Amino acid sequence: MTESLRPSDAVAEKAIASFLDMYCYPSRVTEFKRYDDRESQLQGKDVSFSYGGRRLVVDEKAQAHYVNRNLPTFAFEIDFIDAGGGAHDGWLFNADLPTECYLLIWPYATKPGITSEEDIVHVDCLLVSRVAVKSLLMSVGYDEARCRAVALAMRRDDVRGKYDIGQEDFYFFLSDRLAERPVNIVIRKNVLASLAIASWNVMRPSIKGGSQRMGGSDYADG
């Protein structure tokens, strides 16, 4: 799901993947395959399946840091810094990655820190094409080159946190919370929903009437 995770994040995302395998994919897609090998994971290739007449390679992106927060945004990585201080392409614009779609996941659970599949109550998911996200940005003048230039300028000028560029639907964010200090484009959930190939609310079968959704901050930075 990502290049670098704290142990707790890895546990949460493994649990979310297990939840999806049991309660989401069997009833919604065909020709499903999960990739657990290290090479596939480094390529951002979590699963592949057929949906709507198309075979898709999908990178699952879960807001594991923000369980029960119902954040109205999702963050897309432009670049990040390695341990030696070098900058690398983030997963949105990395041309070497085979990703065709992202499954964006907002998790809800019985506790803030997910440690097993059994903790999860339900997940909200948007299946969004990578091309659609980039096309959205390009439509308002933020093609790949301009997004990279903004990220470079933020690092050069030591801009941290939110960087508002006057766009209603998205903004840039440099996160100091993660070791990689990624620069992300943060896009509003309602905009992503308008782009989505599919929108799935996946409930644990034993849960009736829905779970309580707790309010949170206005953005997710990574």
C-alpha atoms as a PDB file:
ATOM      1  CA  MET A   1       0.000   0.000   0.000  1.00  0.00           C
ATOM      2  CA  THR A   2       2.954   2.365   0.516  1.00  0.00           C
ATOM      3  CA  GLU A   3       6.739   2.396   0.423  1.00  0.00           C
ATOM      4  CA  SER A   4       7.378   2.907   4.130  1.00  0.00           C
ATOM      5  CA  LEU A   5       5.186   2.042   7.075  1.00  0.00           C
ATOM      6  CA  ARG A   6       5.504   2.053  10.807  1.00  0.00           C
ATOM      7  CA  PRO A   7       4.808  -1.441  12.227  1.00  0.00           C
ATOM      8  CA  SER A   8       1.361  -0.376  13.467  1.00  0.00           C
ATOM      9  CA  ASP A   9       0.443   0.929  10.008  1.00  0.00           C
ATOM     10  CA  ALA A  10       1.486  -2.331   8.378  1.00  0.00           C
ATOM     11  CA  VAL A  11      -0.658  -4.291  10.822  1.00  0.00           C
ATOM     12  CA  ALA A  12      -3.678  -2.046  10.212  1.00  0.00           C
ATOM     13  CA  GLU A  13      -3.377  -2.201   6.443  1.00  0.00           C
ATOM     14  CA  LYS A  14      -2.996  -5.990   6.498  1.00  0.00           C
ATOM     15  CA  ALA A  15      -6.182  -6.186   8.580  1.00  0.00           C
ATOM     16  CA  ILE A  16      -8.032  -3.879   6.167  1.00  0.00           C
ATOM     17  CA  ALA A  17      -6.872  -6.006   3.235  1.00  0.00           C
ATOM     18  CA  SER A  18      -8.211  -9.107   4.967  1.00  0.00           C
ATOM     19  CA  PHE A  19     -11.546  -7.370   5.582  1.00  0.00           C
ATOM     20  CA  LEU A  20     -11.809  -6.424   1.908  1.00  0.00           C
ATOM     21  CA  ASP A  21     -10.935  -9.943   0.796  1.00  0.00           C
ATOM     22  CA  MET A  22     -13.743 -11.364   2.918  1.00  0.00           C
ATOM     23  CA  TYR A  23     -16.515  -8.810   2.586  1.00  0.00           C
ATOM     24  CA  CYS A  24     -15.868  -6.595  -0.443  1.00  0.00           C
ATOM     25  CA  TYR A  25     -14.242  -8.248  -3.416  1.00  0.00           C
ATOM     26  CA  PRO A  26     -16.144 -11.584  -3.547  1.00  0.00           C
ATOM     27  CA  SER A  27     -19.485  -9.881  -4.229  1.00  0.00           C
ATOM     28  CA  ARG A  28     -18.287  -6.954  -6.342  1.00  0.00           C
ATOM     29  CA  VAL A  29     -15.521  -8.053  -8.701  1.00  0.00           C
ATOM     30  CA  THR A  30     -14.415 -11.103 -10.696  1.00  0.00           C
ATOM     31  CA  GLU A  31     -11.045 -12.653 -11.517  1.00  0.00           C
ATOM     32  CA  PHE A  32      -9.663 -11.364  -8.250  1.00  0.00           C
ATOM     33  CA  LYS A  33      -5.978 -11.762  -7.349  1.00  0.00           C
ATOM     34  CA  ARG A  34      -4.005 -10.384  -4.405  1.00  0.00           C
ATOM     35  CA  TYR A  35      -0.254  -9.791  -4.681  1.00  0.00           C
ATOM     36  CA  ASP A  36       1.681 -10.353  -1.454  1.00  0.00           C
ATOM     37  CA  ASP A  37       5.233 -10.609  -2.795  1.00  0.00           C
ATOM     38  CA  ARG A  38       7.679  -7.802  -1.998  1.00  0.00           C
ATOM     39  CA  GLU A  39       8.280  -6.807  -5.626  1.00  0.00           C
ATOM     40  CA  SER A  40       4.571  -6.283  -6.280  1.00  0.00           C
ATOM     41  CA  GLN A  41       4.200  -4.320  -3.052  1.00  0.00           C
ATOM     42  CA  LEU A  42       7.064  -2.001  -3.993  1.00  0.00           C
ATOM     43  CA  GLN A  43       5.322  -1.463  -7.336  1.00  0.00           C
ATOM     44  CA  GLY A  44       2.104  -0.446  -5.605  1.00  0.00           C
ATOM     45  CA  LYS A  45       0.319  -3.502  -6.967  1.00  0.00           C
ATOM     46  CA  ASP A  46      -1.929  -4.829  -4.219  1.00  0.00           C
ATOM     47  CA  VAL A  47      -4.709  -6.529  -6.186  1.00  0.00           C
ATOM     48  CA  SER A  48      -6.058  -6.992  -9.681  1.00  0.00           C
ATOM     49  CA  PHE A  49      -9.610  -7.790 -10.719  1.00  0.00           C
ATOM     50  CA  SER A  50     -12.206  -7.354 -13.414  1.00  0.00           C
ATOM     51  CA  TYR A  51     -14.895  -4.728 -12.919  1.00  0.00           C
ATOM     52  CA  GLY A  52     -17.248  -3.115 -15.407  1.00  0.00           C
ATOM     53  CA  GLY A  53     -15.751  -5.079 -18.258  1.00  0.00           C
ATOM     54  CA  ARG A  54     -12.187  -3.949 -17.484  1.00  0.00           C
ATOM     55  CA  ARG A  55      -9.221  -5.726 -15.937  1.00  0.00           C
ATOM     56  CA  LEU A  56      -7.654  -3.368 -13.387  1.00  0.00           C
ATOM     57  CA  VAL A  57      -4.399  -3.243 -11.426  1.00  0.00           C
ATOM     58  CA  VAL A  58      -5.212  -1.585  -8.118  1.00  0.00           C
ATOM     59  CA  ASP A  59      -3.209   0.017  -5.326  1.00  0.00           C
ATOM     60  CA  GLU A  60      -5.148  -0.007  -2.042  1.00  0.00           C
ATOM     61  CA  LYS A  61      -4.714   3.260  -0.141  1.00  0.00           C
ATOM     62  CA  ALA A  62      -6.176   3.222   3.367  1.00  0.00           C
ATOM     63  CA  GLN A  63      -6.339   6.111   5.837  1.00  0.00           C
ATOM     64  CA  ALA A  64      -4.896   3.896   8.558  1.00  0.00           C
ATOM     65  CA  HIS A  65      -3.801   6.968  10.573  1.00  0.00           C
ATOM     66  CA  TYR A  66      -7.341   8.360  10.665  1.00  0.00           C
ATOM     67  CA  VAL A  67      -9.649   5.532  11.770  1.00  0.00           C
ATOM     68  CA  ASN A  68     -13.216   6.747  12.507  1.00  0.00           C
ATOM     69  CA  ARG A  69     -12.335  10.293  11.456  1.00  0.00           C
ATOM     70  CA  ASN A  70     -14.491  10.529   8.294  1.00  0.00           C
ATOM     71  CA  LEU A  71     -12.021  12.940   6.719  1.00  0.00           C
ATOM     72  CA  PRO A  72     -13.389  14.847   3.705  1.00  0.00           C
ATOM     73  CA  THR A  73     -10.130  14.499   1.742  1.00  0.00           C
ATOM     74  CA  PHE A  74      -7.521  12.053   0.466  1.00  0.00           C
ATOM     75  CA  ALA A  75      -3.792  12.666  -0.065  1.00  0.00           C
ATOM     76  CA  PHE A  76      -1.870  11.733  -3.236  1.00  0.00           C
ATOM     77  CA  GLU A  77       1.929  11.574  -3.019  1.00  0.00           C
ATOM     78  CA  ILE A  78       3.961  13.818  -5.345  1.00  0.00           C
ATOM     79  CA  ASP A  79       7.443  13.096  -3.986  1.00  0.00           C
ATOM     80  CA  PHE A  80       9.299  11.954  -0.875  1.00  0.00           C
ATOM     81  CA  ILE A  81      12.793  12.020   0.632  1.00  0.00           C
ATOM     82  CA  ASP A  82      14.901   8.905   1.245  1.00  0.00           C
ATOM     83  CA  ALA A  83      17.198   8.292   4.220  1.00  0.00           C
ATOM     84  CA  GLY A  84      20.096   9.885   2.353  1.00  0.00           C
ATOM     85  CA  GLY A  85      18.170  13.073   1.622  1.00  0.00           C
ATOM     86  CA  GLY A  86      17.445  12.345  -2.037  1.00  0.00           C
ATOM     87  CA  ALA A  87      14.064  13.155  -3.563  1.00  0.00           C
ATOM     88  CA  HIS A  88      12.057  10.477  -5.364  1.00  0.00           C
ATOM     89  CA  ASP A  89       8.835  10.382  -7.347  1.00  0.00           C
ATOM     90  CA  GLY A  90       5.759   9.696  -5.263  1.00  0.00           C
ATOM     91  CA  TRP A  91       3.232   7.103  -6.333  1.00  0.00           C
ATOM     92  CA  LEU A  92       0.914   9.445  -8.238  1.00  0.00           C
ATOM     93  CA  PHE A  93       3.412  10.435 -10.948  1.00  0.00           C
ATOM     94  CA  ASN A  94       5.872   7.522 -10.837  1.00  0.00           C
ATOM     95  CA  ALA A  95       5.777   6.231 -14.424  1.00  0.00           C
ATOM     96  CA  ASP A  96       7.419   2.929 -13.420  1.00  0.00           C
ATOM     97  CA  LEU A  97       4.433   1.819 -11.351  1.00  0.00           C
ATOM     98  CA  PRO A  98       1.788  -0.332 -13.074  1.00  0.00           C
ATOM     99  CA  THR A  99      -1.089   1.118 -11.047  1.00  0.00           C
ATOM    100  CA  GLU A 100      -4.250   1.832 -13.050  1.00  0.00           C
ATOM    101  CA  CYS A 101      -6.605   2.584 -10.153  1.00  0.00           C
ATOM    102  CA  TYR A 102      -6.519   3.444  -6.489  1.00  0.00           C
ATOM    103  CA  LEU A 103      -8.951   1.977  -3.991  1.00  0.00           C
ATOM    104  CA  LEU A 104      -9.241   4.846  -1.511  1.00  0.00           C
ATOM    105  CA  ILE A 105     -10.349   3.546   1.880  1.00  0.00           C
ATOM    106  CA  TRP A 106     -11.870   5.331   4.891  1.00  0.00           C
ATOM    107  CA  PRO A 107     -11.908   2.772   7.753  1.00  0.00           C
ATOM    108  CA  TYR A 108     -14.219   2.608  10.762  1.00  0.00           C
ATOM    109  CA  ALA A 109     -13.425   0.347  13.674  1.00  0.00           C
ATOM    110  CA  THR A 110     -14.114  -0.457  17.296  1.00  0.00           C
ATOM    111  CA  LYS A 111     -10.928   1.355  18.342  1.00  0.00           C
ATOM    112  CA  PRO A 112      -8.577   3.974  16.854  1.00  0.00           C
ATOM    113  CA  GLY A 113      -5.693   1.548  16.303  1.00  0.00           C
ATOM    114  CA  ILE A 114      -6.666  -1.422  14.134  1.00  0.00           C
ATOM    115  CA  THR A 115      -4.734  -4.561  15.101  1.00  0.00           C
ATOM    116  CA  SER A 116      -6.858  -7.261  13.439  1.00  0.00           C
ATOM    117  CA  GLU A 117      -9.581  -7.720  10.836  1.00  0.00           C
ATOM    118  CA  GLU A 118     -12.080  -8.271  13.653  1.00  0.00           C
ATOM    119  CA  ASP A 119     -11.642  -4.660  14.818  1.00  0.00           C
ATOM    120  CA  ILE A 120     -13.118  -3.281  11.593  1.00  0.00           C
ATOM    121  CA  VAL A 121     -16.797  -2.301  11.502  1.00  0.00           C
ATOM    122  CA  HIS A 122     -16.986  -1.051   7.940  1.00  0.00           C
ATOM    123  CA  VAL A 123     -15.040   0.769   5.256  1.00  0.00           C
ATOM    124  CA  ASP A 124     -16.020   3.415   2.716  1.00  0.00           C
ATOM    125  CA  CYS A 125     -14.216   2.937  -0.595  1.00  0.00           C
ATOM    126  CA  LEU A 126     -13.814   4.877  -3.819  1.00  0.00           C
ATOM    127  CA  LEU A 127     -12.304   3.148  -6.852  1.00  0.00           C
ATOM    128  CA  VAL A 128     -10.633   5.963  -8.766  1.00  0.00           C
ATOM    129  CA  SER A 129      -8.616   5.834 -11.970  1.00  0.00           C
ATOM    130  CA  ARG A 130      -5.079   7.181 -11.743  1.00  0.00           C
ATOM    131  CA  VAL A 131      -5.584   8.853 -15.124  1.00  0.00           C
ATOM    132  CA  ALA A 132      -8.772  10.531 -13.882  1.00  0.00           C
ATOM    133  CA  VAL A 133      -6.942  12.086 -10.929  1.00  0.00           C
ATOM    134  CA  LYS A 134      -4.176  13.436 -13.151  1.00  0.00           C
ATOM    135  CA  SER A 135      -6.728  14.681 -15.690  1.00  0.00           C
ATOM    136  CA  LEU A 136      -8.562  16.555 -12.936  1.00  0.00           C
ATOM    137  CA  LEU A 137      -5.365  18.350 -11.963  1.00  0.00           C
ATOM    138  CA  MET A 138      -4.473  19.100 -15.574  1.00  0.00           C
ATOM    139  CA  SER A 139      -7.918  20.598 -16.184  1.00  0.00           C
ATOM    140  CA  VAL A 140      -7.053  23.458 -13.828  1.00  0.00           C
ATOM    141  CA  GLY A 141      -3.480  23.879 -15.025  1.00  0.00           C
ATOM    142  CA  TYR A 142      -1.632  21.533 -12.667  1.00  0.00           C
ATOM    143  CA  ASP A 143      -0.015  18.980 -14.933  1.00  0.00           C
ATOM    144  CA  GLU A 144       2.765  16.695 -13.726  1.00  0.00           C
ATOM    145  CA  ALA A 145       5.509  19.244 -14.387  1.00  0.00           C
ATOM    146  CA  ARG A 146       3.754  22.019 -12.497  1.00  0.00           C
ATOM    147  CA  CYS A 147       2.945  19.762  -9.535  1.00  0.00           C
ATOM    148  CA  ARG A 148       6.598  18.724  -9.334  1.00  0.00           C
ATOM    149  CA  ALA A 149       7.648  22.373  -9.513  1.00  0.00           C
ATOM    150  CA  VAL A 150       5.375  23.268  -6.608  1.00  0.00           C
ATOM    151  CA  ALA A 151       6.770  20.399  -4.533  1.00  0.00           C
ATOM    152  CA  LEU A 152      10.334  21.492  -5.317  1.00  0.00           C
ATOM    153  CA  ALA A 153       9.554  25.092  -4.378  1.00  0.00           C
ATOM    154  CA  MET A 154       7.971  24.002  -1.088  1.00  0.00           C
ATOM    155  CA  ARG A 155      11.103  22.099  -0.127  1.00  0.00           C
ATOM    156  CA  ARG A 156      13.398  24.922  -1.286  1.00  0.00           C
ATOM    157  CA  ASP A 157      11.462  27.517   0.701  1.00  0.00           C
ATOM    158  CA  ASP A 158      10.956  25.173   3.693  1.00  0.00           C
ATOM    159  CA  VAL A 159       7.170  25.383   3.437  1.00  0.00           C
ATOM    160  CA  ARG A 160       5.630  22.937   5.894  1.00  0.00           C
ATOM    161  CA  GLY A 161       2.071  21.798   6.327  1.00  0.00           C
ATOM    162  CA  LYS A 162      -0.700  23.132   4.124  1.00  0.00           C
ATOM    163  CA  TYR A 163       0.164  25.185   1.047  1.00  0.00           C
ATOM    164  CA  ASP A 164      -2.977  26.784  -0.337  1.00  0.00           C
ATOM    165  CA  ILE A 165      -2.789  27.635  -4.042  1.00  0.00           C
ATOM    166  CA  GLY A 166      -6.265  29.141  -4.302  1.00  0.00           C
ATOM    167  CA  GLN A 167      -7.925  26.016  -5.664  1.00  0.00           C
ATOM    168  CA  GLU A 168     -11.272  25.053  -4.155  1.00  0.00           C
ATOM    169  CA  ASP A 169     -10.921  21.303  -4.655  1.00  0.00           C
ATOM    170  CA  PHE A 170      -7.301  20.590  -3.648  1.00  0.00           C
ATOM    171  CA  TYR A 171      -4.144  21.937  -2.045  1.00  0.00           C
ATOM    172  CA  PHE A 172      -0.556  20.848  -1.393  1.00  0.00           C
ATOM    173  CA  PHE A 173       0.759  19.577   1.942  1.00  0.00           C
ATOM    174  CA  LEU A 174       4.292  18.803   3.167  1.00  0.00           C
ATOM    175  CA  SER A 175       4.147  16.339   6.045  1.00  0.00           C
ATOM    176  CA  ASP A 176       6.823  16.410   8.731  1.00  0.00           C
ATOM    177  CA  ARG A 177       4.980  13.658  10.590  1.00  0.00           C
ATOM    178  CA  LEU A 178       6.470  10.971   8.331  1.00  0.00           C
ATOM    179  CA  ALA A 179      10.192  10.261   7.981  1.00  0.00           C
ATOM    180  CA  GLU A 180       9.948  10.592   4.198  1.00  0.00           C
ATOM    181  CA  ARG A 181       8.538  14.132   4.475  1.00  0.00           C
ATOM    182  CA  PRO A 182       6.245  13.614   1.460  1.00  0.00           C
ATOM    183  CA  VAL A 183       4.678  16.427  -0.494  1.00  0.00           C
ATOM    184  CA  ASN A 184       1.087  15.468  -1.235  1.00  0.00           C
ATOM    185  CA  ILE A 185      -1.796  16.853  -3.212  1.00  0.00           C
ATOM    186  CA  VAL A 186      -4.842  16.688  -0.952  1.00  0.00           C
ATOM    187  CA  ILE A 187      -8.112  16.358  -2.890  1.00  0.00           C
ATOM    188  CA  ARG A 188     -11.593  16.695  -1.473  1.00  0.00           C
ATOM    189  CA  LYS A 189     -13.597  13.496  -1.122  1.00  0.00           C
ATOM    190  CA  ASN A 190     -16.684  14.816  -2.904  1.00  0.00           C
ATOM    191  CA  VAL A 191     -14.538  15.614  -5.944  1.00  0.00           C
ATOM    192  CA  LEU A 192     -12.990  12.153  -5.902  1.00  0.00           C
ATOM    193  CA  ALA A 193     -16.482  10.655  -5.637  1.00  0.00           C
ATOM    194  CA  SER A 194     -17.441  12.451  -8.842  1.00  0.00           C
ATOM    195  CA  LEU A 195     -14.485  10.765 -10.590  1.00  0.00           C
ATOM    196  CA  ALA A 196     -14.991   7.310  -9.112  1.00  0.00           C
ATOM    197  CA  ILE A 197     -15.532   4.172 -11.154  1.00  0.00           C
ATOM    198  CA  ALA A 198     -17.252   2.670  -8.109  1.00  0.00           C
ATOM    199  CA  SER A 199     -18.257   3.704  -4.589  1.00  0.00           C
ATOM    200  CA  TRP A 200     -18.557   0.904  -2.033  1.00  0.00           C
ATOM    201  CA  ASN A 201     -19.721   0.975   1.569  1.00  0.00           C
ATOM    202  CA  VAL A 202     -18.634  -2.382   2.934  1.00  0.00           C
ATOM    203  CA  MET A 203     -20.263  -3.419   6.195  1.00  0.00           C
ATOM    204  CA  ARG A 204     -19.389  -6.365   8.363  1.00  0.00           C
ATOM    205  CA  PRO A 205     -22.415  -8.682   7.983  1.00  0.00           C
ATOM    206  CA  SER A 206     -23.022  -8.865  11.743  1.00  0.00           C
ATOM    207  CA  ILE A 207     -23.292  -5.070  12.025  1.00  0.00           C
ATOM    208  CA  LYS A 208     -26.750  -3.611  11.551  1.00  0.00           C
ATOM    209  CA  GLY A 209     -27.793   0.000  11.291  1.00  0.00           C
ATOM    210  CA  GLY A 210     -24.315   1.380  10.575  1.00  0.00           C
ATOM    211  CA  SER A 211     -21.570   2.576  12.853  1.00  0.00           C
ATOM    212  CA  GLN A 212     -21.057   5.931  14.445  1.00  0.00           C
ATOM    213  CA  ARG A 213     -18.912   8.261  12.365  1.00  0.00           C
ATOM    214  CA  MET A 214     -16.730  10.565  14.361  1.00  0.00           C
ATOM    215  CA  GLY A 215     -15.739  14.015  13.190  1.00  0.00           C
ATOM    216  CA  GLY A 216     -12.117  14.912  12.592  1.00  0.00           C
ATOM    217  CA  SER A 217      -9.821  17.531  11.150  1.00  0.00           C
ATOM    218  CA  ASP A 218     -10.314  19.008   7.712  1.00  0.00           C
ATOM    219  CA  TYR A 219      -7.557  17.125   5.929  1.00  0.00           C
ATOM    220  CA  ALA A 220      -5.378  14.030   5.770  1.00  0.00           C
ATOM    221  CA  ASP A 221      -1.751  14.872   5.033  1.00  0.00           C
ATOM    222  CA  GLY A 222      -0.405  11.446   4.174  1.00  0.00           C
END
